[in-house]
Each structure stands twice: as C-alpha cells, then as structure tokens.
PDB file of N, CA and C in Angstrom:
ATOM      1  N   MET A   1      21.260 -12.383 -41.369  1.00  0.00           N
ATOM      2  CA  MET A   1      21.848 -11.270 -40.707  1.00  0.00           C
ATOM      3  C   MET A   1      22.454 -11.647 -39.442  1.00  0.00           C
ATOM      4  N   CYS A   2      23.487 -10.960 -39.016  1.00  0.00           N
ATOM      5  CA  CYS A   2      24.144 -11.407 -37.831  1.00  0.00           C
ATOM      6  C   CYS A   2      24.016 -10.173 -36.877  1.00  0.00           C
ATOM      7  N   LEU A   3      23.501 -10.562 -35.744  1.00  0.00           N
ATOM      8  CA  LEU A   3      23.128  -9.320 -34.755  1.00  0.00           C
ATOM      9  C   LEU A   3      23.896  -9.659 -33.521  1.00  0.00           C
ATOM     10  N   GLY A   4      24.183  -8.535 -32.784  1.00  0.00           N
ATOM     11  CA  GLY A   4      24.644  -8.724 -31.405  1.00  0.00           C
ATOM     12  C   GLY A   4      23.399  -8.782 -30.475  1.00  0.00           C
ATOM     13  N   VAL A   5      23.600  -9.952 -29.569  1.00  0.00           N
ATOM     14  CA  VAL A   5      22.347 -10.221 -28.784  1.00  0.00           C
ATOM     15  C   VAL A   5      22.638 -10.050 -27.195  1.00  0.00           C
ATOM     16  N   PRO A   6      21.843  -9.418 -26.536  1.00  0.00           N
ATOM     17  CA  PRO A   6      22.329  -9.166 -24.948  1.00  0.00           C
ATOM     18  C   PRO A   6      22.036 -10.439 -24.314  1.00  0.00           C
ATOM     19  N   GLY A   7      22.885 -10.668 -23.233  1.00  0.00           N
ATOM     20  CA  GLY A   7      22.685 -11.805 -22.382  1.00  0.00           C
ATOM     21  C   GLY A   7      23.250 -11.335 -20.983  1.00  0.00           C
ATOM     22  N   LYS A   8      22.933 -12.055 -20.025  1.00  0.00           N
ATOM     23  CA  LYS A   8      23.376 -11.807 -18.651  1.00  0.00           C
ATOM     24  C   LYS A   8      24.393 -12.910 -18.202  1.00  0.00           C
ATOM     25  N   ILE A   9      25.501 -12.285 -17.733  1.00  0.00           N
ATOM     26  CA  ILE A   9      26.455 -13.134 -17.441  1.00  0.00           C
ATOM     27  C   ILE A   9      26.234 -13.898 -16.050  1.00  0.00           C
ATOM     28  N   ILE A  10      26.255 -15.206 -16.108  1.00  0.00           N
ATOM     29  CA  ILE A  10      25.952 -15.988 -14.820  1.00  0.00           C
ATOM     30  C   ILE A  10      27.138 -16.702 -14.148  1.00  0.00           C
ATOM     31  N   GLU A  11      28.264 -16.668 -14.955  1.00  0.00           N
ATOM     32  CA  GLU A  11      29.462 -17.296 -14.345  1.00  0.00           C
ATOM     33  C   GLU A  11      30.682 -16.863 -15.364  1.00  0.00           C
ATOM     34  N   ILE A  12      31.781 -16.722 -14.555  1.00  0.00           N
ATOM     35  CA  ILE A  12      32.875 -16.175 -15.278  1.00  0.00           C
ATOM     36  C   ILE A  12      34.085 -17.283 -14.996  1.00  0.00           C
ATOM     37  N   PHE A  13      34.802 -17.595 -15.875  1.00  0.00           N
ATOM     38  CA  PHE A  13      35.901 -18.690 -15.707  1.00  0.00           C
ATOM     39  C   PHE A  13      36.920 -18.454 -16.788  1.00  0.00           C
ATOM     40  N   SER A  14      37.914 -19.252 -16.675  1.00  0.00           N
ATOM     41  CA  SER A  14      39.111 -19.250 -17.619  1.00  0.00           C
ATOM     42  C   SER A  14      39.041 -20.590 -18.428  1.00  0.00           C
ATOM     43  N   LYS A  15      39.402 -20.414 -19.638  1.00  0.00           N
ATOM     44  CA  LYS A  15      39.438 -21.560 -20.475  1.00  0.00           C
ATOM     45  C   LYS A  15      40.495 -21.300 -21.548  1.00  0.00           C
ATOM     46  N   ASP A  16      41.515 -21.959 -21.596  1.00  0.00           N
ATOM     47  CA  ASP A  16      42.560 -21.933 -22.495  1.00  0.00           C
ATOM     48  C   ASP A  16      43.176 -20.436 -22.503  1.00  0.00           C
ATOM     49  N   ASN A  17      43.396 -20.057 -21.222  1.00  0.00           N
ATOM     50  CA  ASN A  17      44.014 -18.713 -20.835  1.00  0.00           C
ATOM     51  C   ASN A  17      43.101 -17.608 -21.377  1.00  0.00           C
ATOM     52  N   LEU A  18      41.833 -17.767 -21.615  1.00  0.00           N
ATOM     53  CA  LEU A  18      40.967 -16.804 -22.032  1.00  0.00           C
ATOM     54  C   LEU A  18      39.853 -16.676 -21.035  1.00  0.00           C
ATOM     55  N   ARG A  19      39.441 -15.405 -20.762  1.00  0.00           N
ATOM     56  CA  ARG A  19      38.221 -15.007 -19.923  1.00  0.00           C
ATOM     57  C   ARG A  19      36.981 -15.337 -20.602  1.00  0.00           C
ATOM     58  N   MET A  20      36.296 -16.211 -19.979  1.00  0.00           N
ATOM     59  CA  MET A  20      35.135 -16.622 -20.546  1.00  0.00           C
ATOM     60  C   MET A  20      33.889 -16.550 -19.728  1.00  0.00           C
ATOM     61  N   GLY A  21      32.768 -16.524 -20.270  1.00  0.00           N
ATOM     62  CA  GLY A  21      31.519 -16.560 -19.426  1.00  0.00           C
ATOM     63  C   GLY A  21      30.360 -17.515 -19.821  1.00  0.00           C
ATOM     64  N   ARG A  22      29.630 -17.941 -18.935  1.00  0.00           N
ATOM     65  CA  ARG A  22      28.324 -18.499 -19.228  1.00  0.00           C
ATOM     66  C   ARG A  22      27.371 -17.469 -19.316  1.00  0.00           C
ATOM     67  N   ILE A  23      26.590 -17.337 -20.334  1.00  0.00           N
ATOM     68  CA  ILE A  23      25.738 -16.140 -20.686  1.00  0.00           C
ATOM     69  C   ILE A  23      24.250 -16.730 -20.788  1.00  0.00           C
ATOM     70  N   ASP A  24      23.314 -16.169 -20.089  1.00  0.00           N
ATOM     71  CA  ASP A  24      22.018 -16.513 -20.086  1.00  0.00           C
ATOM     72  C   ASP A  24      21.150 -15.512 -21.027  1.00  0.00           C
ATOM     73  N   PHE A  25      20.623 -16.105 -22.173  1.00  0.00           N
ATOM     74  CA  PHE A  25      19.884 -15.378 -23.033  1.00  0.00           C
ATOM     75  C   PHE A  25      18.383 -15.836 -22.866  1.00  0.00           C
ATOM     76  N   GLY A  26      17.873 -15.491 -21.651  1.00  0.00           N
ATOM     77  CA  GLY A  26      16.462 -15.716 -21.397  1.00  0.00           C
ATOM     78  C   GLY A  26      16.064 -17.209 -21.281  1.00  0.00           C
ATOM     79  N   GLY A  27      17.074 -17.899 -20.658  1.00  0.00           N
ATOM     80  CA  GLY A  27      16.834 -19.432 -20.540  1.00  0.00           C
ATOM     81  C   GLY A  27      17.699 -20.254 -21.268  1.00  0.00           C
ATOM     82  N   VAL A  28      18.214 -19.645 -22.386  1.00  0.00           N
ATOM     83  CA  VAL A  28      19.176 -20.407 -23.288  1.00  0.00           C
ATOM     84  C   VAL A  28      20.654 -19.950 -22.864  1.00  0.00           C
ATOM     85  N   ILE A  29      21.417 -20.898 -22.299  1.00  0.00           N
ATOM     86  CA  ILE A  29      22.736 -20.708 -21.926  1.00  0.00           C
ATOM     87  C   ILE A  29      23.844 -20.986 -22.883  1.00  0.00           C
ATOM     88  N   ARG A  30      24.675 -20.006 -23.199  1.00  0.00           N
ATOM     89  CA  ARG A  30      25.812 -20.359 -24.108  1.00  0.00           C
ATOM     90  C   ARG A  30      27.067 -19.776 -23.539  1.00  0.00           C
ATOM     91  N   GLU A  31      28.199 -20.327 -23.903  1.00  0.00           N
ATOM     92  CA  GLU A  31      29.444 -19.763 -23.568  1.00  0.00           C
ATOM     93  C   GLU A  31      29.889 -18.559 -24.510  1.00  0.00           C
ATOM     94  N   ALA A  32      30.622 -17.621 -24.037  1.00  0.00           N
ATOM     95  CA  ALA A  32      31.225 -16.497 -24.854  1.00  0.00           C
ATOM     96  C   ALA A  32      32.369 -16.097 -24.192  1.00  0.00           C
ATOM     97  N   CYS A  33      33.357 -15.567 -25.070  1.00  0.00           N
ATOM     98  CA  CYS A  33      34.596 -14.837 -24.696  1.00  0.00           C
ATOM     99  C   CYS A  33      34.373 -13.511 -24.164  1.00  0.00           C
ATOM    100  N   LEU A  34      34.806 -13.247 -23.002  1.00  0.00           N
ATOM    101  CA  LEU A  34      34.660 -12.023 -22.300  1.00  0.00           C
ATOM    102  C   LEU A  34      36.066 -11.118 -22.274  1.00  0.00           C
ATOM    103  N   GLU A  35      36.997 -11.412 -23.142  1.00  0.00           N
ATOM    104  CA  GLU A  35      38.360 -10.838 -23.157  1.00  0.00           C
ATOM    105  C   GLU A  35      38.184  -9.370 -23.640  1.00  0.00           C
ATOM    106  N   TYR A  36      37.208  -9.095 -24.375  1.00  0.00           N
ATOM    107  CA  TYR A  36      36.953  -7.586 -24.863  1.00  0.00           C
ATOM    108  C   TYR A  36      36.310  -6.689 -23.938  1.00  0.00           C
ATOM    109  N   VAL A  37      35.807  -7.386 -22.872  1.00  0.00           N
ATOM    110  CA  VAL A  37      35.041  -6.494 -21.789  1.00  0.00           C
ATOM    111  C   VAL A  37      35.633  -7.108 -20.376  1.00  0.00           C
ATOM    112  N   PRO A  38      36.898  -6.762 -20.184  1.00  0.00           N
ATOM    113  CA  PRO A  38      37.539  -7.248 -18.849  1.00  0.00           C
ATOM    114  C   PRO A  38      36.877  -6.726 -17.647  1.00  0.00           C
ATOM    115  N   GLU A  39      36.170  -5.576 -17.657  1.00  0.00           N
ATOM    116  CA  GLU A  39      35.475  -5.110 -16.547  1.00  0.00           C
ATOM    117  C   GLU A  39      34.131  -5.624 -16.313  1.00  0.00           C
ATOM    118  N   ALA A  40      33.671  -6.495 -17.017  1.00  0.00           N
ATOM    119  CA  ALA A  40      32.361  -7.216 -16.947  1.00  0.00           C
ATOM    120  C   ALA A  40      32.365  -8.112 -15.891  1.00  0.00           C
ATOM    121  N   GLU A  41      31.321  -8.153 -15.060  1.00  0.00           N
ATOM    122  CA  GLU A  41      31.086  -9.017 -13.900  1.00  0.00           C
ATOM    123  C   GLU A  41      29.882  -9.793 -14.016  1.00  0.00           C
ATOM    124  N   VAL A  42      29.707 -10.905 -13.114  1.00  0.00           N
ATOM    125  CA  VAL A  42      28.586 -11.684 -13.044  1.00  0.00           C
ATOM    126  C   VAL A  42      27.392 -10.861 -12.667  1.00  0.00           C
ATOM    127  N   ASP A  43      26.268 -11.116 -13.253  1.00  0.00           N
ATOM    128  CA  ASP A  43      25.014 -10.444 -13.049  1.00  0.00           C
ATOM    129  C   ASP A  43      24.971  -9.193 -14.056  1.00  0.00           C
ATOM    130  N   GLU A  44      25.936  -8.733 -14.787  1.00  0.00           N
ATOM    131  CA  GLU A  44      25.820  -7.781 -15.796  1.00  0.00           C
ATOM    132  C   GLU A  44      25.399  -8.248 -17.128  1.00  0.00           C
ATOM    133  N   TYR A  45      24.949  -7.341 -17.985  1.00  0.00           N
ATOM    134  CA  TYR A  45      24.520  -7.820 -19.238  1.00  0.00           C
ATOM    135  C   TYR A  45      25.601  -7.292 -20.367  1.00  0.00           C
ATOM    136  N   VAL A  46      25.864  -8.087 -21.270  1.00  0.00           N
ATOM    137  CA  VAL A  46      26.799  -7.879 -22.204  1.00  0.00           C
ATOM    138  C   VAL A  46      26.029  -8.043 -23.640  1.00  0.00           C
ATOM    139  N   LEU A  47      26.677  -7.424 -24.598  1.00  0.00           N
ATOM    140  CA  LEU A  47      26.237  -7.625 -26.011  1.00  0.00           C
ATOM    141  C   LEU A  47      27.175  -8.622 -26.662  1.00  0.00           C
ATOM    142  N   ILE A  48      26.703  -9.789 -27.005  1.00  0.00           N
ATOM    143  CA  ILE A  48      27.509 -10.907 -27.637  1.00  0.00           C
ATOM    144  C   ILE A  48      27.114 -10.874 -29.171  1.00  0.00           C
ATOM    145  N   HIS A  49      28.401 -10.965 -29.811  1.00  0.00           N
ATOM    146  CA  HIS A  49      28.454 -11.107 -31.207  1.00  0.00           C
ATOM    147  C   HIS A  49      29.300 -12.128 -31.677  1.00  0.00           C
ATOM    148  N   VAL A  50      28.853 -12.984 -32.334  1.00  0.00           N
ATOM    149  CA  VAL A  50      29.616 -14.321 -32.850  1.00  0.00           C
ATOM    150  C   VAL A  50      30.499 -14.951 -31.718  1.00  0.00           C
ATOM    151  N   GLY A  51      29.984 -15.031 -30.479  1.00  0.00           N
ATOM    152  CA  GLY A  51      30.731 -15.709 -29.487  1.00  0.00           C
ATOM    153  C   GLY A  51      31.578 -14.732 -28.700  1.00  0.00           C
ATOM    154  N   PHE A  52      31.463 -13.543 -28.879  1.00  0.00           N
ATOM    155  CA  PHE A  52      32.361 -12.588 -28.191  1.00  0.00           C
ATOM    156  C   PHE A  52      31.590 -11.448 -27.534  1.00  0.00           C
ATOM    157  N   ALA A  53      31.811 -11.145 -26.354  1.00  0.00           N
ATOM    158  CA  ALA A  53      31.116 -10.015 -25.629  1.00  0.00           C
ATOM    159  C   ALA A  53      31.750  -8.709 -26.233  1.00  0.00           C
ATOM    160  N   ILE A  54      31.156  -7.776 -26.720  1.00  0.00           N
ATOM    161  CA  ILE A  54      31.769  -6.691 -27.290  1.00  0.00           C
ATOM    162  C   ILE A  54      31.435  -5.492 -26.550  1.00  0.00           C
ATOM    163  N   SER A  55      30.330  -5.291 -25.694  1.00  0.00           N
ATOM    164  CA  SER A  55      30.258  -4.217 -24.802  1.00  0.00           C
ATOM    165  C   SER A  55      29.241  -4.628 -23.637  1.00  0.00           C
ATOM    166  N   ARG A  56      29.342  -3.772 -22.568  1.00  0.00           N
ATOM    167  CA  ARG A  56      28.393  -4.020 -21.522  1.00  0.00           C
ATOM    168  C   ARG A  56      27.132  -3.228 -21.829  1.00  0.00           C
ATOM    169  N   LEU A  57      26.037  -3.560 -21.302  1.00  0.00           N
ATOM    170  CA  LEU A  57      24.867  -2.944 -21.380  1.00  0.00           C
ATOM    171  C   LEU A  57      24.095  -2.845 -19.899  1.00  0.00           C
ATOM    172  N   SER A  58      23.203  -1.742 -19.847  1.00  0.00           N
ATOM    173  CA  SER A  58      22.404  -1.856 -18.603  1.00  0.00           C
ATOM    174  C   SER A  58      21.183  -2.856 -18.775  1.00  0.00           C
ATOM    175  N   GLN A  59      20.742  -3.160 -17.611  1.00  0.00           N
ATOM    176  CA  GLN A  59      19.615  -4.036 -17.763  1.00  0.00           C
ATOM    177  C   GLN A  59      18.435  -3.514 -18.595  1.00  0.00           C
ATOM    178  N   GLU A  60      18.222  -2.234 -18.527  1.00  0.00           N
ATOM    179  CA  GLU A  60      17.157  -1.604 -19.300  1.00  0.00           C
ATOM    180  C   GLU A  60      17.526  -1.647 -20.875  1.00  0.00           C
ATOM    181  N   GLU A  61      18.695  -1.391 -21.243  1.00  0.00           N
ATOM    182  CA  GLU A  61      19.090  -1.415 -22.546  1.00  0.00           C
ATOM    183  C   GLU A  61      19.088  -2.906 -23.217  1.00  0.00           C
ATOM    184  N   ALA A  62      19.422  -3.891 -22.264  1.00  0.00           N
ATOM    185  CA  ALA A  62      19.330  -5.257 -22.715  1.00  0.00           C
ATOM    186  C   ALA A  62      17.982  -5.713 -22.863  1.00  0.00           C
ATOM    187  N   GLN A  63      17.080  -5.455 -21.947  1.00  0.00           N
ATOM    188  CA  GLN A  63      15.581  -5.755 -21.995  1.00  0.00           C
ATOM    189  C   GLN A  63      14.980  -5.135 -23.432  1.00  0.00           C
ATOM    190  N   GLU A  64      15.166  -3.973 -23.520  1.00  0.00           N
ATOM    191  CA  GLU A  64      14.647  -3.180 -24.767  1.00  0.00           C
ATOM    192  C   GLU A  64      15.175  -3.946 -25.978  1.00  0.00           C
ATOM    193  N   THR A  65      16.370  -4.201 -26.091  1.00  0.00           N
ATOM    194  CA  THR A  65      16.974  -4.811 -27.266  1.00  0.00           C
ATOM    195  C   THR A  65      16.362  -6.337 -27.405  1.00  0.00           C
ATOM    196  N   LEU A  66      16.238  -7.000 -26.380  1.00  0.00           N
ATOM    197  CA  LEU A  66      15.500  -8.373 -26.498  1.00  0.00           C
ATOM    198  C   LEU A  66      14.150  -8.192 -26.930  1.00  0.00           C
ATOM    199  N   ARG A  67      13.465  -7.239 -26.463  1.00  0.00           N
ATOM    200  CA  ARG A  67      12.008  -6.984 -26.797  1.00  0.00           C
ATOM    201  C   ARG A  67      11.968  -6.744 -28.370  1.00  0.00           C
ATOM    202  N   LEU A  68      12.728  -5.981 -28.813  1.00  0.00           N
ATOM    203  CA  LEU A  68      12.973  -5.583 -30.343  1.00  0.00           C
ATOM    204  C   LEU A  68      13.191  -6.789 -31.102  1.00  0.00           C
ATOM    205  N   LEU A  69      14.224  -7.515 -30.619  1.00  0.00           N
ATOM    206  CA  LEU A  69      14.509  -8.714 -31.468  1.00  0.00           C
ATOM    207  C   LEU A  69      13.573  -9.649 -31.515  1.00  0.00           C
ATOM    208  N   ARG A  70      12.721  -9.858 -30.472  1.00  0.00           N
ATOM    209  CA  ARG A  70      11.624 -10.831 -30.430  1.00  0.00           C
ATOM    210  C   ARG A  70      10.427 -10.190 -31.394  1.00  0.00           C
ATOM    211  N   GLU A  71      10.322  -8.994 -31.355  1.00  0.00           N
ATOM    212  CA  GLU A  71       9.288  -8.387 -32.187  1.00  0.00           C
ATOM    213  C   GLU A  71       9.601  -8.565 -33.610  1.00  0.00           C
ATOM    214  N   ILE A  72      10.806  -8.518 -34.056  1.00  0.00           N
ATOM    215  CA  ILE A  72      11.090  -8.667 -35.545  1.00  0.00           C
ATOM    216  C   ILE A  72      11.383 -10.207 -35.790  1.00  0.00           C
ATOM    217  N   GLY A  73      11.332 -10.997 -34.806  1.00  0.00           N
ATOM    218  CA  GLY A  73      11.589 -12.572 -34.998  1.00  0.00           C
ATOM    219  C   GLY A  73      12.875 -12.993 -35.209  1.00  0.00           C
ATOM    220  N   GLU A  74      13.946 -12.278 -34.896  1.00  0.00           N
ATOM    221  CA  GLU A  74      15.333 -12.673 -35.012  1.00  0.00           C
ATOM    222  C   GLU A  74      15.884 -13.355 -33.858  1.00  0.00           C
ATOM    223  N   PHE A  75      15.397 -13.213 -32.641  1.00  0.00           N
ATOM    224  CA  PHE A  75      15.969 -13.783 -31.367  1.00  0.00           C
ATOM    225  C   PHE A  75      16.301 -15.219 -31.435  1.00  0.00           C
ATOM    226  N   ASP A  76      15.304 -16.156 -31.775  1.00  0.00           N
ATOM    227  CA  ASP A  76      15.506 -17.470 -31.766  1.00  0.00           C
ATOM    228  C   ASP A  76      16.732 -17.895 -32.785  1.00  0.00           C
ATOM    229  N   ALA A  77      16.628 -17.183 -33.978  1.00  0.00           N
ATOM    230  CA  ALA A  77      17.583 -17.521 -35.032  1.00  0.00           C
ATOM    231  C   ALA A  77      19.005 -17.211 -34.529  1.00  0.00           C
ATOM    232  N   GLU A  78      19.163 -16.031 -33.826  1.00  0.00           N
ATOM    233  CA  GLU A  78      20.527 -15.467 -33.499  1.00  0.00           C
ATOM    234  C   GLU A  78      21.189 -16.427 -32.362  1.00  0.00           C
ATOM    235  N   ILE A  79      20.360 -16.984 -31.559  1.00  0.00           N
ATOM    236  CA  ILE A  79      20.947 -17.632 -30.382  1.00  0.00           C
ATOM    237  C   ILE A  79      20.981 -19.229 -30.734  1.00  0.00           C
ATOM    238  N   GLY A  80      20.428 -19.651 -31.780  1.00  0.00           N
ATOM    239  CA  GLY A  80      20.456 -20.986 -32.174  1.00  0.00           C
ATOM    240  C   GLY A  80      19.292 -21.871 -31.360  1.00  0.00           C
ATOM    241  N   ALA A  81      18.345 -21.188 -31.150  1.00  0.00           N
ATOM    242  CA  ALA A  81      17.176 -21.993 -30.325  1.00  0.00           C
ATOM    243  C   ALA A  81      16.068 -22.541 -31.134  1.00  0.00           C
ATOM    244  N   GLU A  82      16.310 -22.420 -32.404  1.00  0.00           N
ATOM    245  CA  GLU A  82      15.211 -22.827 -33.325  1.00  0.00           C
ATOM    246  C   GLU A  82      14.980 -24.408 -33.211  1.00  0.00           C
TER     247      GLU A  82
END
C-alpha cells in the first residue's frame, strides 16, 4: 500500500530548477519535491506521496496522521526505515 506520510519541512532549496525540501519524518530525513505546494515554508508540515509534497497540513493533522500510521504499523514501511 502506498500512503501519504506527513513530515516537517526543515530546509528548502533548489535542485535541477525544482523547489525541493528536506523533510523530517520524526527523525528520519528525506528529500521531497515541493513544486506542488509553492506556498509551503520551513517548519510547516506537508503530506508526502512518492517523493512529492501534495498538500500542507496543520501540526495537529500531521501528528494525528502519524499516530494512526504507527498504530496500524505502516509508518516504518512507508518511509523506508525498516
């Protein structure tokens, strides 16, 4: 199953003319494309799906989603932390 996983933007940069970000998934850091959410800023939460931020989330929404993913055991598989 492929899910969108919330993460916190910790850095924004440009790579190959694309707006990119370093995203913190509770201690696991991954890069993601931010082109679909041009209004997103550092310290905001975004929903990441296959390497792309597809929407912004409030901190509350992000924390609740992460809690539910951990509860069903999908979090580590989705971010590749296994």
